[in-house]
Structures are given as C-alpha cells and as structure tokens.
PDB file of N, CA and C in Angstrom:
ATOM      1  N   MET A   1       7.764  10.849 -30.663  1.00  0.00           N
ATOM      2  CA  MET A   1       8.606   9.954 -30.038  1.00  0.00           C
ATOM      3  C   MET A   1       7.975   9.401 -28.811  1.00  0.00           C
ATOM      4  N   LEU A   2       7.369  10.439 -28.101  1.00  0.00           N
ATOM      5  CA  LEU A   2       6.611  10.004 -26.785  1.00  0.00           C
ATOM      6  C   LEU A   2       5.381   8.994 -27.293  1.00  0.00           C
ATOM      7  N   ALA A   3       4.669   9.181 -28.142  1.00  0.00           N
ATOM      8  CA  ALA A   3       3.614   8.309 -28.674  1.00  0.00           C
ATOM      9  C   ALA A   3       4.206   6.880 -29.148  1.00  0.00           C
ATOM     10  N   ILE A   4       5.374   6.795 -29.750  1.00  0.00           N
ATOM     11  CA  ILE A   4       5.888   5.501 -30.030  1.00  0.00           C
ATOM     12  C   ILE A   4       6.285   4.785 -28.759  1.00  0.00           C
ATOM     13  N   LEU A   5       6.972   5.493 -27.894  1.00  0.00           N
ATOM     14  CA  LEU A   5       7.160   4.991 -26.448  1.00  0.00           C
ATOM     15  C   LEU A   5       5.975   4.396 -25.832  1.00  0.00           C
ATOM     16  N   ALA A   6       4.913   5.238 -25.916  1.00  0.00           N
ATOM     17  CA  ALA A   6       3.736   4.659 -25.124  1.00  0.00           C
ATOM     18  C   ALA A   6       3.138   3.506 -25.771  1.00  0.00           C
ATOM     19  N   MET A   7       3.088   3.437 -27.174  1.00  0.00           N
ATOM     20  CA  MET A   7       2.480   2.420 -27.951  1.00  0.00           C
ATOM     21  C   MET A   7       3.420   0.997 -27.562  1.00  0.00           C
ATOM     22  N   LYS A   8       4.599   1.045 -27.264  1.00  0.00           N
ATOM     23  CA  LYS A   8       5.456   0.021 -27.175  1.00  0.00           C
ATOM     24  C   LYS A   8       5.345  -0.408 -25.623  1.00  0.00           C
ATOM     25  N   LEU A   9       5.220   0.413 -24.656  1.00  0.00           N
ATOM     26  CA  LEU A   9       5.227   0.208 -23.226  1.00  0.00           C
ATOM     27  C   LEU A   9       3.886  -0.245 -22.752  1.00  0.00           C
ATOM     28  N   VAL A  10       2.890   0.313 -23.261  1.00  0.00           N
ATOM     29  CA  VAL A  10       1.538   0.080 -22.649  1.00  0.00           C
ATOM     30  C   VAL A  10       1.308  -1.326 -22.749  1.00  0.00           C
ATOM     31  N   PRO A  11       1.375  -2.238 -23.697  1.00  0.00           N
ATOM     32  CA  PRO A  11       0.977  -3.634 -23.835  1.00  0.00           C
ATOM     33  C   PRO A  11       1.840  -4.340 -22.739  1.00  0.00           C
ATOM     34  N   ALA A  12       3.105  -4.083 -22.591  1.00  0.00           N
ATOM     35  CA  ALA A  12       4.112  -4.748 -21.838  1.00  0.00           C
ATOM     36  C   ALA A  12       3.633  -4.480 -20.327  1.00  0.00           C
ATOM     37  N   TYR A  13       3.136  -3.404 -19.969  1.00  0.00           N
ATOM     38  CA  TYR A  13       2.654  -3.087 -18.608  1.00  0.00           C
ATOM     39  C   TYR A  13       1.316  -3.797 -18.360  1.00  0.00           C
ATOM     40  N   ILE A  14       0.464  -3.822 -19.269  1.00  0.00           N
ATOM     41  CA  ILE A  14      -0.877  -4.471 -19.077  1.00  0.00           C
ATOM     42  C   ILE A  14      -0.643  -6.078 -18.889  1.00  0.00           C
ATOM     43  N   GLU A  15       0.264  -6.540 -19.635  1.00  0.00           N
ATOM     44  CA  GLU A  15       0.697  -7.896 -19.324  1.00  0.00           C
ATOM     45  C   GLU A  15       1.386  -8.055 -18.029  1.00  0.00           C
ATOM     46  N   TYR A  16       2.168  -7.289 -17.509  1.00  0.00           N
ATOM     47  CA  TYR A  16       2.857  -7.325 -16.316  1.00  0.00           C
ATOM     48  C   TYR A  16       1.870  -7.297 -15.133  1.00  0.00           C
ATOM     49  N   PHE A  17       0.946  -6.360 -15.204  1.00  0.00           N
ATOM     50  CA  PHE A  17      -0.193  -6.252 -14.203  1.00  0.00           C
ATOM     51  C   PHE A  17      -1.049  -7.511 -14.119  1.00  0.00           C
ATOM     52  N   SER A  18      -1.117  -8.092 -15.438  1.00  0.00           N
ATOM     53  CA  SER A  18      -2.071  -9.462 -15.340  1.00  0.00           C
ATOM     54  C   SER A  18      -1.241 -10.515 -14.615  1.00  0.00           C
ATOM     55  N   VAL A  19       0.144 -10.679 -14.899  1.00  0.00           N
ATOM     56  CA  VAL A  19       0.938 -11.567 -14.238  1.00  0.00           C
ATOM     57  C   VAL A  19       1.001 -11.330 -12.746  1.00  0.00           C
ATOM     58  N   LYS A  20       1.050 -10.131 -12.271  1.00  0.00           N
ATOM     59  CA  LYS A  20       1.067  -9.858 -10.954  1.00  0.00           C
ATOM     60  C   LYS A  20      -0.232 -10.115 -10.218  1.00  0.00           C
ATOM     61  N   LYS A  21      -1.309  -9.922 -10.897  1.00  0.00           N
ATOM     62  CA  LYS A  21      -2.661 -10.318 -10.342  1.00  0.00           C
ATOM     63  C   LYS A  21      -2.776 -11.685 -10.223  1.00  0.00           C
ATOM     64  N   ILE A  22      -2.404 -12.387 -11.138  1.00  0.00           N
ATOM     65  CA  ILE A  22      -2.379 -13.888 -11.174  1.00  0.00           C
ATOM     66  C   ILE A  22      -1.599 -14.636  -9.982  1.00  0.00           C
ATOM     67  N   LEU A  23      -0.322 -13.947  -9.976  1.00  0.00           N
ATOM     68  CA  LEU A  23       0.383 -14.471  -8.739  1.00  0.00           C
ATOM     69  C   LEU A  23      -0.117 -14.193  -7.405  1.00  0.00           C
ATOM     70  N   ALA A  24      -0.540 -12.958  -7.185  1.00  0.00           N
ATOM     71  CA  ALA A  24      -1.304 -12.332  -5.974  1.00  0.00           C
ATOM     72  C   ALA A  24      -2.457 -13.391  -5.661  1.00  0.00           C
ATOM     73  N   THR A  25      -3.119 -13.587  -6.622  1.00  0.00           N
ATOM     74  CA  THR A  25      -4.374 -14.444  -6.451  1.00  0.00           C
ATOM     75  C   THR A  25      -4.126 -15.916  -6.014  1.00  0.00           C
ATOM     76  N   MET A  26      -3.133 -16.284  -6.706  1.00  0.00           N
ATOM     77  CA  MET A  26      -2.584 -17.651  -6.236  1.00  0.00           C
ATOM     78  C   MET A  26      -2.093 -17.789  -5.016  1.00  0.00           C
ATOM     79  N   GLY A  27      -1.220 -16.685  -4.534  1.00  0.00           N
ATOM     80  CA  GLY A  27      -0.654 -16.657  -3.166  1.00  0.00           C
ATOM     81  C   GLY A  27      -1.647 -16.537  -2.093  1.00  0.00           C
ATOM     82  N   GLN A  28      -2.891 -16.114  -2.299  1.00  0.00           N
ATOM     83  CA  GLN A  28      -3.996 -15.977  -1.323  1.00  0.00           C
ATOM     84  C   GLN A  28      -4.803 -17.288  -1.113  1.00  0.00           C
ATOM     85  N   GLU A  29      -4.542 -18.384  -1.980  1.00  0.00           N
ATOM     86  CA  GLU A  29      -5.399 -19.614  -1.940  1.00  0.00           C
ATOM     87  C   GLU A  29      -5.153 -20.348  -0.719  1.00  0.00           C
ATOM     88  N   SER A  30      -5.927 -20.911   0.003  1.00  0.00           N
ATOM     89  CA  SER A  30      -5.794 -21.572   1.272  1.00  0.00           C
ATOM     90  C   SER A  30      -5.221 -22.958   1.018  1.00  0.00           C
ATOM     91  N   ASP A  31      -5.342 -23.429  -0.234  1.00  0.00           N
ATOM     92  CA  ASP A  31      -4.652 -24.790  -0.442  1.00  0.00           C
ATOM     93  C   ASP A  31      -3.379 -24.748  -1.121  1.00  0.00           C
ATOM     94  N   LEU A  32      -2.726 -23.729  -1.211  1.00  0.00           N
ATOM     95  CA  LEU A  32      -1.518 -23.529  -1.877  1.00  0.00           C
ATOM     96  C   LEU A  32      -0.405 -24.376  -1.407  1.00  0.00           C
ATOM     97  N   LYS A  33      -0.440 -24.489   0.058  1.00  0.00           N
ATOM     98  CA  LYS A  33       0.627 -25.328   0.847  1.00  0.00           C
ATOM     99  C   LYS A  33       0.672 -26.741   0.436  1.00  0.00           C
ATOM    100  N   SER A  34      -0.562 -27.207   0.081  1.00  0.00           N
ATOM    101  CA  SER A  34      -0.731 -28.769  -0.291  1.00  0.00           C
ATOM    102  C   SER A  34      -0.506 -28.994  -1.802  1.00  0.00           C
ATOM    103  N   LYS A  35      -0.551 -27.983  -2.601  1.00  0.00           N
ATOM    104  CA  LYS A  35      -0.229 -28.313  -4.025  1.00  0.00           C
ATOM    105  C   LYS A  35       1.130 -28.523  -4.351  1.00  0.00           C
ATOM    106  N   SER A  36       1.431 -29.443  -5.265  1.00  0.00           N
ATOM    107  CA  SER A  36       2.779 -29.738  -5.776  1.00  0.00           C
ATOM    108  C   SER A  36       3.149 -28.696  -6.646  1.00  0.00           C
ATOM    109  N   ASN A  37       4.527 -28.576  -7.005  1.00  0.00           N
ATOM    110  CA  ASN A  37       4.997 -27.611  -7.898  1.00  0.00           C
ATOM    111  C   ASN A  37       4.306 -27.750  -9.260  1.00  0.00           C
ATOM    112  N   ALA A  38       4.158 -29.065  -9.752  1.00  0.00           N
ATOM    113  CA  ALA A  38       3.404 -29.227 -10.971  1.00  0.00           C
ATOM    114  C   ALA A  38       2.000 -28.633 -11.114  1.00  0.00           C
ATOM    115  N   ASP A  39       1.222 -28.915  -9.925  1.00  0.00           N
ATOM    116  CA  ASP A  39       0.013 -28.262  -9.774  1.00  0.00           C
ATOM    117  C   ASP A  39       0.050 -27.038  -9.825  1.00  0.00           C
ATOM    118  N   ILE A  40       0.945 -26.314  -9.109  1.00  0.00           N
ATOM    119  CA  ILE A  40       1.031 -24.771  -9.087  1.00  0.00           C
ATOM    120  C   ILE A  40       1.227 -24.204 -10.580  1.00  0.00           C
ATOM    121  N   ARG A  41       2.198 -24.693 -11.355  1.00  0.00           N
ATOM    122  CA  ARG A  41       2.520 -24.466 -12.680  1.00  0.00           C
ATOM    123  C   ARG A  41       1.233 -24.691 -13.517  1.00  0.00           C
ATOM    124  N   SER A  42       0.563 -25.730 -13.423  1.00  0.00           N
ATOM    125  CA  SER A  42      -0.512 -26.053 -14.262  1.00  0.00           C
ATOM    126  C   SER A  42      -1.668 -25.021 -13.909  1.00  0.00           C
ATOM    127  N   ASP A  43      -1.678 -24.525 -12.633  1.00  0.00           N
ATOM    128  CA  ASP A  43      -2.654 -23.677 -12.364  1.00  0.00           C
ATOM    129  C   ASP A  43      -2.412 -22.262 -12.922  1.00  0.00           C
ATOM    130  N   PHE A  44      -1.018 -21.889 -12.944  1.00  0.00           N
ATOM    131  CA  PHE A  44      -0.583 -20.616 -13.445  1.00  0.00           C
ATOM    132  C   PHE A  44      -0.874 -20.681 -15.002  1.00  0.00           C
ATOM    133  N   GLU A  45      -0.569 -21.829 -15.445  1.00  0.00           N
ATOM    134  CA  GLU A  45      -0.859 -21.887 -17.094  1.00  0.00           C
ATOM    135  C   GLU A  45      -2.239 -21.662 -17.485  1.00  0.00           C
ATOM    136  N   ARG A  46      -3.281 -22.254 -16.594  1.00  0.00           N
ATOM    137  CA  ARG A  46      -4.612 -22.105 -16.798  1.00  0.00           C
ATOM    138  C   ARG A  46      -4.986 -20.591 -16.822  1.00  0.00           C
ATOM    139  N   ARG A  47      -4.525 -20.087 -15.614  1.00  0.00           N
ATOM    140  CA  ARG A  47      -4.910 -18.664 -15.375  1.00  0.00           C
ATOM    141  C   ARG A  47      -4.257 -17.685 -16.429  1.00  0.00           C
ATOM    142  N   ALA A  48      -3.104 -18.051 -16.768  1.00  0.00           N
ATOM    143  CA  ALA A  48      -2.403 -17.154 -17.858  1.00  0.00           C
ATOM    144  C   ALA A  48      -3.039 -17.190 -19.245  1.00  0.00           C
ATOM    145  N   SER A  49      -3.474 -18.421 -19.565  1.00  0.00           N
ATOM    146  CA  SER A  49      -4.112 -18.405 -20.924  1.00  0.00           C
ATOM    147  C   SER A  49      -5.630 -17.720 -20.869  1.00  0.00           C
ATOM    148  N   VAL A  50      -6.145 -17.735 -19.763  1.00  0.00           N
ATOM    149  CA  VAL A  50      -7.553 -16.876 -19.604  1.00  0.00           C
ATOM    150  C   VAL A  50      -7.087 -15.340 -19.539  1.00  0.00           C
ATOM    151  N   GLY A  51      -6.081 -14.931 -18.961  1.00  0.00           N
ATOM    152  CA  GLY A  51      -5.663 -13.607 -18.905  1.00  0.00           C
ATOM    153  C   GLY A  51      -4.920 -13.151 -20.005  1.00  0.00           C
ATOM    154  N   TYR A  52      -4.715 -13.937 -21.147  1.00  0.00           N
ATOM    155  CA  TYR A  52      -4.036 -13.568 -22.233  1.00  0.00           C
ATOM    156  C   TYR A  52      -2.420 -13.173 -22.119  1.00  0.00           C
ATOM    157  N   VAL A  53      -1.828 -14.004 -21.098  1.00  0.00           N
ATOM    158  CA  VAL A  53      -0.426 -13.691 -20.762  1.00  0.00           C
ATOM    159  C   VAL A  53       0.272 -14.602 -21.648  1.00  0.00           C
ATOM    160  N   THR A  54       1.179 -14.039 -22.527  1.00  0.00           N
ATOM    161  CA  THR A  54       1.901 -15.011 -23.341  1.00  0.00           C
ATOM    162  C   THR A  54       3.509 -14.910 -23.101  1.00  0.00           C
ATOM    163  N   VAL A  55       4.001 -14.022 -22.436  1.00  0.00           N
ATOM    164  CA  VAL A  55       5.423 -13.727 -22.170  1.00  0.00           C
ATOM    165  C   VAL A  55       6.015 -14.651 -21.071  1.00  0.00           C
ATOM    166  N   VAL A  56       5.080 -14.885 -19.993  1.00  0.00           N
ATOM    167  CA  VAL A  56       5.625 -15.809 -18.989  1.00  0.00           C
ATOM    168  C   VAL A  56       5.063 -17.143 -19.049  1.00  0.00           C
ATOM    169  N   LYS A  57       5.884 -18.257 -19.150  1.00  0.00           N
ATOM    170  CA  LYS A  57       5.468 -19.644 -19.294  1.00  0.00           C
ATOM    171  C   LYS A  57       5.463 -20.208 -17.884  1.00  0.00           C
ATOM    172  N   PRO A  58       4.786 -21.380 -17.687  1.00  0.00           N
ATOM    173  CA  PRO A  58       4.854 -22.015 -16.368  1.00  0.00           C
ATOM    174  C   PRO A  58       6.248 -22.396 -15.925  1.00  0.00           C
ATOM    175  N   GLU A  59       7.146 -22.668 -16.911  1.00  0.00           N
ATOM    176  CA  GLU A  59       8.533 -23.075 -16.464  1.00  0.00           C
ATOM    177  C   GLU A  59       9.358 -21.922 -16.101  1.00  0.00           C
ATOM    178  N   ASP A  60       8.775 -20.592 -16.378  1.00  0.00           N
ATOM    179  CA  ASP A  60       9.463 -19.457 -16.110  1.00  0.00           C
ATOM    180  C   ASP A  60       9.265 -18.883 -14.535  1.00  0.00           C
ATOM    181  N   ILE A  61       8.275 -19.603 -13.889  1.00  0.00           N
ATOM    182  CA  ILE A  61       8.035 -19.286 -12.607  1.00  0.00           C
ATOM    183  C   ILE A  61       8.936 -20.023 -11.564  1.00  0.00           C
ATOM    184  N   ALA A  62       9.211 -19.328 -10.378  1.00  0.00           N
ATOM    185  CA  ALA A  62      10.029 -19.811  -9.419  1.00  0.00           C
ATOM    186  C   ALA A  62       9.026 -20.213  -8.057  1.00  0.00           C
ATOM    187  N   ILE A  63       9.220 -21.375  -7.529  1.00  0.00           N
ATOM    188  CA  ILE A  63       8.437 -21.684  -6.414  1.00  0.00           C
ATOM    189  C   ILE A  63       9.338 -21.927  -5.226  1.00  0.00           C
ATOM    190  N   ASP A  64       9.308 -21.004  -4.115  1.00  0.00           N
ATOM    191  CA  ASP A  64      10.131 -21.091  -2.962  1.00  0.00           C
ATOM    192  C   ASP A  64       9.192 -21.472  -1.752  1.00  0.00           C
ATOM    193  N   ARG A  65       9.649 -22.892  -1.409  1.00  0.00           N
ATOM    194  CA  ARG A  65       8.893 -23.381  -0.269  1.00  0.00           C
ATOM    195  C   ARG A  65       9.645 -23.377   1.054  1.00  0.00           C
ATOM    196  N   HIS A  66      10.427 -22.331   1.397  1.00  0.00           N
ATOM    197  CA  HIS A  66      11.167 -22.258   2.568  1.00  0.00           C
ATOM    198  C   HIS A  66      10.467 -21.736   3.623  1.00  0.00           C
ATOM    199  N   GLY A  67       9.403 -20.812   3.468  1.00  0.00           N
ATOM    200  CA  GLY A  67       8.641 -20.188   4.476  1.00  0.00           C
ATOM    201  C   GLY A  67       7.408 -21.095   4.800  1.00  0.00           C
ATOM    202  N   ALA A  68       6.487 -20.552   5.551  1.00  0.00           N
ATOM    203  CA  ALA A  68       5.261 -21.142   5.987  1.00  0.00           C
ATOM    204  C   ALA A  68       4.375 -21.479   4.801  1.00  0.00           C
ATOM    205  N   VAL A  69       4.381 -20.399   3.793  1.00  0.00           N
ATOM    206  CA  VAL A  69       3.499 -20.534   2.602  1.00  0.00           C
ATOM    207  C   VAL A  69       4.458 -20.413   1.438  1.00  0.00           C
ATOM    208  N   PRO A  70       4.245 -21.177   0.279  1.00  0.00           N
ATOM    209  CA  PRO A  70       5.118 -21.042  -0.731  1.00  0.00           C
ATOM    210  C   PRO A  70       4.916 -19.676  -1.539  1.00  0.00           C
ATOM    211  N   VAL A  71       6.129 -19.211  -2.015  1.00  0.00           N
ATOM    212  CA  VAL A  71       5.989 -17.877  -2.689  1.00  0.00           C
ATOM    213  C   VAL A  71       6.433 -18.162  -4.105  1.00  0.00           C
ATOM    214  N   ILE A  72       5.487 -17.724  -5.005  1.00  0.00           N
ATOM    215  CA  ILE A  72       5.617 -17.821  -6.460  1.00  0.00           C
ATOM    216  C   ILE A  72       6.078 -16.741  -6.957  1.00  0.00           C
ATOM    217  N   SER A  73       7.021 -16.650  -7.787  1.00  0.00           N
ATOM    218  CA  SER A  73       7.529 -15.396  -8.436  1.00  0.00           C
ATOM    219  C   SER A  73       8.192 -15.569  -9.879  1.00  0.00           C
ATOM    220  N   THR A  74       8.436 -14.516 -10.509  1.00  0.00           N
ATOM    221  CA  THR A  74       9.013 -14.626 -11.843  1.00  0.00           C
ATOM    222  C   THR A  74       9.650 -13.466 -12.253  1.00  0.00           C
ATOM    223  N   ASP A  75      10.820 -13.380 -12.744  1.00  0.00           N
ATOM    224  CA  ASP A  75      11.493 -12.289 -13.314  1.00  0.00           C
ATOM    225  C   ASP A  75      11.637 -12.418 -14.795  1.00  0.00           C
ATOM    226  N   TYR A  76      11.266 -11.421 -15.519  1.00  0.00           N
ATOM    227  CA  TYR A  76      11.523 -11.551 -16.966  1.00  0.00           C
ATOM    228  C   TYR A  76      11.798 -10.059 -17.614  1.00  0.00           C
ATOM    229  N   THR A  77      12.176 -10.096 -18.833  1.00  0.00           N
ATOM    230  CA  THR A  77      12.673  -8.817 -19.480  1.00  0.00           C
ATOM    231  C   THR A  77      11.795  -8.755 -20.796  1.00  0.00           C
ATOM    232  N   PHE A  78      11.257  -7.619 -20.893  1.00  0.00           N
ATOM    233  CA  PHE A  78      10.629  -7.225 -22.250  1.00  0.00           C
ATOM    234  C   PHE A  78      11.519  -6.293 -23.029  1.00  0.00           C
ATOM    235  N   ARG A  79      11.741  -6.779 -24.253  1.00  0.00           N
ATOM    236  CA  ARG A  79      12.564  -5.968 -25.044  1.00  0.00           C
ATOM    237  C   ARG A  79      11.897  -5.623 -26.419  1.00  0.00           C
ATOM    238  N   THR A  80      12.037  -4.484 -26.943  1.00  0.00           N
ATOM    239  CA  THR A  80      11.328  -4.189 -28.204  1.00  0.00           C
ATOM    240  C   THR A  80      12.209  -2.952 -28.786  1.00  0.00           C
ATOM    241  N   LYS A  81      12.322  -3.137 -30.162  1.00  0.00           N
ATOM    242  CA  LYS A  81      12.937  -2.107 -30.931  1.00  0.00           C
ATOM    243  C   LYS A  81      12.159  -0.810 -30.908  1.00  0.00           C
ATOM    244  N   LEU A  82      12.694   0.280 -30.846  1.00  0.00           N
ATOM    245  CA  LEU A  82      12.089   1.598 -31.108  1.00  0.00           C
ATOM    246  C   LEU A  82      12.225   2.139 -32.362  1.00  0.00           C
ATOM    247  N   ILE A  83      13.377   2.381 -32.743  1.00  0.00           N
ATOM    248  CA  ILE A  83      13.805   3.220 -34.093  1.00  0.00           C
ATOM    249  C   ILE A  83      15.249   2.712 -34.464  1.00  0.00           C
ATOM    250  N   GLY A  84      15.351   2.144 -35.633  1.00  0.00           N
ATOM    251  CA  GLY A  84      16.762   1.744 -36.168  1.00  0.00           C
ATOM    252  C   GLY A  84      17.364   0.636 -35.115  1.00  0.00           C
ATOM    253  N   ASN A  85      18.416   1.038 -34.584  1.00  0.00           N
ATOM    254  CA  ASN A  85      19.166   0.118 -33.712  1.00  0.00           C
ATOM    255  C   ASN A  85      18.878   0.493 -32.240  1.00  0.00           C
ATOM    256  N   VAL A  86      17.803   1.292 -31.875  1.00  0.00           N
ATOM    257  CA  VAL A  86      17.710   1.613 -30.534  1.00  0.00           C
ATOM    258  C   VAL A  86      16.580   0.789 -29.989  1.00  0.00           C
ATOM    259  N   SER A  87      16.793   0.082 -28.980  1.00  0.00           N
ATOM    260  CA  SER A  87      15.834  -0.706 -28.314  1.00  0.00           C
ATOM    261  C   SER A  87      15.471  -0.373 -26.868  1.00  0.00           C
ATOM    262  N   LEU A  88      14.320  -0.774 -26.480  1.00  0.00           N
ATOM    263  CA  LEU A  88      13.780  -0.445 -25.069  1.00  0.00           C
ATOM    264  C   LEU A  88      13.750  -1.738 -24.345  1.00  0.00           C
ATOM    265  N   VAL A  89      14.428  -1.869 -23.067  1.00  0.00           N
ATOM    266  CA  VAL A  89      14.401  -2.939 -22.304  1.00  0.00           C
ATOM    267  C   VAL A  89      13.730  -2.636 -21.030  1.00  0.00           C
ATOM    268  N   VAL A  90      12.834  -3.457 -20.557  1.00  0.00           N
ATOM    269  CA  VAL A  90      12.230  -3.322 -19.250  1.00  0.00           C
ATOM    270  C   VAL A  90      12.281  -4.591 -18.458  1.00  0.00           C
ATOM    271  N   ASP A  91      12.879  -4.556 -17.221  1.00  0.00           N
ATOM    272  CA  ASP A  91      12.853  -5.754 -16.470  1.00  0.00           C
ATOM    273  C   ASP A  91      11.839  -5.839 -15.564  1.00  0.00           C
ATOM    274  N   PHE A  92      10.970  -6.903 -15.526  1.00  0.00           N
ATOM    275  CA  PHE A  92       9.750  -6.982 -14.793  1.00  0.00           C
ATOM    276  C   PHE A  92      10.042  -8.070 -13.598  1.00  0.00           C
ATOM    277  N   SER A  93       9.496  -7.835 -12.292  1.00  0.00           N
ATOM    278  CA  SER A  93       9.595  -8.858 -11.378  1.00  0.00           C
ATOM    279  C   SER A  93       8.316  -8.942 -10.676  1.00  0.00           C
ATOM    280  N   ALA A  94       7.574 -10.138 -10.750  1.00  0.00           N
ATOM    281  CA  ALA A  94       6.280 -10.236  -9.960  1.00  0.00           C
ATOM    282  C   ALA A  94       6.367 -11.333  -9.079  1.00  0.00           C
ATOM    283  N   SER A  95       5.630 -11.243  -7.943  1.00  0.00           N
ATOM    284  CA  SER A  95       5.618 -12.319  -6.937  1.00  0.00           C
ATOM    285  C   SER A  95       4.302 -12.440  -6.204  1.00  0.00           C
ATOM    286  N   SER A  96       4.037 -13.588  -5.702  1.00  0.00           N
ATOM    287  CA  SER A  96       2.937 -13.783  -4.842  1.00  0.00           C
ATOM    288  C   SER A  96       3.027 -13.100  -3.466  1.00  0.00           C
ATOM    289  N   ASP A  97       4.231 -12.669  -3.193  1.00  0.00           N
ATOM    290  CA  ASP A  97       4.661 -12.004  -1.899  1.00  0.00           C
ATOM    291  C   ASP A  97       4.511 -10.615  -2.079  1.00  0.00           C
ATOM    292  N   PRO A  98       3.601  -9.884  -1.287  1.00  0.00           N
ATOM    293  CA  PRO A  98       3.242  -8.513  -1.418  1.00  0.00           C
ATOM    294  C   PRO A  98       4.357  -7.611  -1.116  1.00  0.00           C
ATOM    295  N   ASN A  99       5.532  -8.020  -0.595  1.00  0.00           N
ATOM    296  CA  ASN A  99       6.666  -7.251  -0.199  1.00  0.00           C
ATOM    297  C   ASN A  99       7.740  -7.361  -1.198  1.00  0.00           C
ATOM    298  N   ALA A 100       7.326  -7.806  -2.494  1.00  0.00           N
ATOM    299  CA  ALA A 100       8.390  -7.982  -3.641  1.00  0.00           C
ATOM    300  C   ALA A 100       8.884  -6.777  -4.027  1.00  0.00           C
ATOM    301  N   ALA A 101       9.986  -6.868  -4.670  1.00  0.00           N
ATOM    302  CA  ALA A 101      10.724  -5.729  -5.297  1.00  0.00           C
ATOM    303  C   ALA A 101       9.914  -4.905  -6.461  1.00  0.00           C
ATOM    304  N   PRO A 102       9.873  -3.704  -6.772  1.00  0.00           N
ATOM    305  CA  PRO A 102       9.254  -3.184  -7.745  1.00  0.00           C
ATOM    306  C   PRO A 102       9.814  -3.300  -9.089  1.00  0.00           C
ATOM    307  N   VAL A 103       9.249  -2.828 -10.059  1.00  0.00           N
ATOM    308  CA  VAL A 103       9.616  -2.907 -11.455  1.00  0.00           C
ATOM    309  C   VAL A 103      10.816  -2.171 -11.556  1.00  0.00           C
ATOM    310  N   GLU A 104      11.933  -2.549 -12.296  1.00  0.00           N
ATOM    311  CA  GLU A 104      13.100  -1.787 -12.757  1.00  0.00           C
ATOM    312  C   GLU A 104      13.132  -1.432 -14.131  1.00  0.00           C
ATOM    313  N   VAL A 105      13.404  -0.189 -14.546  1.00  0.00           N
ATOM    314  CA  VAL A 105      13.521   0.254 -15.964  1.00  0.00           C
ATOM    315  C   VAL A 105      14.933   0.579 -16.227  1.00  0.00           C
ATOM    316  N   GLU A 106      15.517   0.122 -17.286  1.00  0.00           N
ATOM    317  CA  GLU A 106      16.814   0.513 -17.727  1.00  0.00           C
ATOM    318  C   GLU A 106      16.752   1.450 -18.923  1.00  0.00           C
TER     319      GLU A 106
END
C-alpha cells in the first residue's frame, strides 16, 4: 500500500515543485512590474511547457497587483484513484511570494 501511495504522490509533488520554482523565478524578475497580465501568463506558459508542467494552465494563475511588486499565485487540486472507490486528494498552493502558505494534504 505504501508503494502504491508513493507511486501516486511522487509525480504530483515533482510537478508542484516545478510550478513553485517557475513562480519564484518569475517573481524575482526585475521587469515583472512593467509586464501586462497577458505577458505574465504567456511567460508562465512558455516556462511551464519547458518544465513539463501540465496540471496548471496560464488561465489558472492569479496575478495580484495591489503591492509594490505583482504576486503570481495558483491553487489547484491533485486527485487520483488509489484502490476501488478510494481516492487521494492533495491541494497545492504555489506563489511568487516567499511567505505563501504551505501545501495542505486532506
């Protein structure tokens, strides 16, 4: 059972860490303030395709421009069947803000 759980969770966490790295890198760019939301989404899409990120689409990211620097974030749910009618659900939250909330597991 532990091996099945690991086989289901490892790919989800690998993709989560890729999303987190993309957003952190984008948040450190000096020209982020001058980019439009469409440019930010396009940049995310380009980076996501290179990083083999398939679960988060450009339209799934939120861009908050209320602070001095825009904050790019996304919240998404990973769901997979384990055995029969038992499923595993993991909620991920990633942000360009280093003080963002950690991953929650249900």
